Amino acid sequence: MVANQLTVIENGVNKRPDVVLFVNGLPLVVIELKNAADENASVKSAYKQLQTYKASIPACLPITA
């Protein structure tokens, strides 16, 4: 199953990854999309946002925890 804009609340922190791919109910892939038309959007900013997710909502990224 693929979820778009899934809201995850963990330890009072509310985050919304762009795309989460679940396999057998487990979150296997988290994708952070950036606007290609935005000159400030970069792979680095997407990476930083994923690192924020990793620290804030580790249940959504169990493979990296």
C-alpha atoms as a PDB file:
ATOM      1  CA  MET A   1       0.000   0.000   0.000  1.00  0.00           C
ATOM      2  CA  VAL A   2       1.179   3.534  -0.718  1.00  0.00           C
ATOM      3  CA  ALA A   3       0.097   6.474   1.429  1.00  0.00           C
ATOM      4  CA  ASN A   4       0.301  10.071   0.233  1.00  0.00           C
ATOM      5  CA  GLN A   5       0.763  12.817   2.853  1.00  0.00           C
ATOM      6  CA  LEU A   6       0.450  10.390   5.775  1.00  0.00           C
ATOM      7  CA  THR A   7       0.187  12.254   9.082  1.00  0.00           C
ATOM      8  CA  VAL A   8       2.300  10.623  11.795  1.00  0.00           C
ATOM      9  CA  ILE A   9       2.057  11.785  15.405  1.00  0.00           C
ATOM     10  CA  GLU A  10       4.696  10.421  17.764  1.00  0.00           C
ATOM     11  CA  ASN A  11       5.700  11.810  21.170  1.00  0.00           C
ATOM     12  CA  GLY A  12       3.592  14.908  20.498  1.00  0.00           C
ATOM     13  CA  VAL A  13       5.395  15.599  17.215  1.00  0.00           C
ATOM     14  CA  ASN A  14       3.264  15.877  14.076  1.00  0.00           C
ATOM     15  CA  LYS A  15       5.034  15.119  10.760  1.00  0.00           C
ATOM     16  CA  ARG A  16       3.687  14.404   7.283  1.00  0.00           C
ATOM     17  CA  PRO A  17       6.008  12.487   4.915  1.00  0.00           C
ATOM     18  CA  ASP A  18       5.077  12.916   1.246  1.00  0.00           C
ATOM     19  CA  VAL A  19       4.938   9.217   0.301  1.00  0.00           C
ATOM     20  CA  VAL A  20       5.156   6.110   2.498  1.00  0.00           C
ATOM     21  CA  LEU A  21       5.232   2.607   0.977  1.00  0.00           C
ATOM     22  CA  PHE A  22       3.979  -0.157   3.267  1.00  0.00           C
ATOM     23  CA  VAL A  23       4.717  -3.853   2.726  1.00  0.00           C
ATOM     24  CA  ASN A  24       2.773  -6.251   4.956  1.00  0.00           C
ATOM     25  CA  GLY A  25       1.810  -3.288   7.134  1.00  0.00           C
ATOM     26  CA  LEU A  26       5.390  -2.159   7.715  1.00  0.00           C
ATOM     27  CA  PRO A  27       6.655   1.198   6.430  1.00  0.00           C
ATOM     28  CA  LEU A  28       9.398   0.152   4.029  1.00  0.00           C
ATOM     29  CA  VAL A  29      10.052   3.298   1.969  1.00  0.00           C
ATOM     30  CA  VAL A  30       9.632   6.977   2.837  1.00  0.00           C
ATOM     31  CA  ILE A  31       9.960   9.464  -0.023  1.00  0.00           C
ATOM     32  CA  GLU A  32      10.273  13.217   0.372  1.00  0.00           C
ATOM     33  CA  LEU A  33       9.251  15.019  -2.815  1.00  0.00           C
ATOM     34  CA  LYS A  34      10.396  18.503  -3.726  1.00  0.00           C
ATOM     35  CA  ASN A  35       8.928  21.004  -6.162  1.00  0.00           C
ATOM     36  CA  ALA A  36      11.081  20.991  -9.316  1.00  0.00           C
ATOM     37  CA  ALA A  37      10.000  24.565 -10.088  1.00  0.00           C
ATOM     38  CA  ASP A  38      11.323  25.804  -6.727  1.00  0.00           C
ATOM     39  CA  GLU A  39      14.897  27.049  -7.120  1.00  0.00           C
ATOM     40  CA  ASN A  40      15.504  26.475  -3.396  1.00  0.00           C
ATOM     41  CA  ALA A  41      14.453  22.815  -3.555  1.00  0.00           C
ATOM     42  CA  SER A  42      17.379  20.411  -3.522  1.00  0.00           C
ATOM     43  CA  VAL A  43      18.318  16.846  -2.756  1.00  0.00           C
ATOM     44  CA  LYS A  44      20.146  18.197   0.291  1.00  0.00           C
ATOM     45  CA  SER A  45      16.970  19.793   1.685  1.00  0.00           C
ATOM     46  CA  ALA A  46      15.033  16.551   1.089  1.00  0.00           C
ATOM     47  CA  TYR A  47      17.787  14.609   2.882  1.00  0.00           C
ATOM     48  CA  LYS A  48      17.688  17.021   5.833  1.00  0.00           C
ATOM     49  CA  GLN A  49      13.917  16.638   6.045  1.00  0.00           C
ATOM     50  CA  LEU A  50      14.240  12.831   6.057  1.00  0.00           C
ATOM     51  CA  GLN A  51      16.801  13.105   8.865  1.00  0.00           C
ATOM     52  CA  THR A  52      14.255  15.190  10.795  1.00  0.00           C
ATOM     53  CA  TYR A  53      11.672  12.438  10.260  1.00  0.00           C
ATOM     54  CA  LYS A  54      14.196   9.857  11.442  1.00  0.00           C
ATOM     55  CA  ALA A  55      14.712  11.772  14.699  1.00  0.00           C
ATOM     56  CA  SER A  56      11.087  12.860  15.234  1.00  0.00           C
ATOM     57  CA  ILE A  57       9.056   9.848  14.094  1.00  0.00           C
ATOM     58  CA  PRO A  58      11.321   6.778  14.253  1.00  0.00           C
ATOM     59  CA  ALA A  59       8.319   4.407  14.126  1.00  0.00           C
ATOM     60  CA  CYS A  60       7.822   5.488  10.515  1.00  0.00           C
ATOM     61  CA  LEU A  61      11.429   4.591   9.663  1.00  0.00           C
ATOM     62  CA  PRO A  62      12.035   1.342  11.603  1.00  0.00           C
ATOM     63  CA  ILE A  63      14.778   0.098   9.273  1.00  0.00           C
ATOM     64  CA  THR A  64      16.977   3.115  10.083  1.00  0.00           C
ATOM     65  CA  ALA A  65      16.226   3.159  13.808  1.00  0.00           C
END
